[in-house]
Amino acid sequence: MQHASRSRAKCVALVLPGWIVLWPRLVLAAGGAKATPLENVADTRDLAPGFSKFLADTYNGNMWLYAAYAVGIMVVMGLVLGLVADKLMGLTGISLGKADHHE
């Protein structure tokens, strides 16, 4: 019984990587109609004028500028959250500044 489970485990260990590598080729070989490219567009018809509409229009018009805005917003959000966390830690008595080394 012990020998059978070991040989089964060896078989799975040898066959499974081959299936993982070959499965995408087998699926793609099935044929079918060619896929059409997707167009991702933000629906701005129901958005009120403001920051959300501005970002949606930027997303639709210039993806690189939208990406730059997204990175900038994430940097500002991280900075604000970090400063708020630092202030809260300071109120609890935990100093997050430079450590003093007394040697």
Foldseek 3Di string as FASTA:
>chain_A
DVVVVVVVVVVCVVVVVVCVVCVVVVVPVVDDDDDDDDDDADDLPPPDDDDVSVLRVCVRPPVVVSVVVVVVVVVVVVVVVVVVVCVVCVVVPHHPDDDDDDD
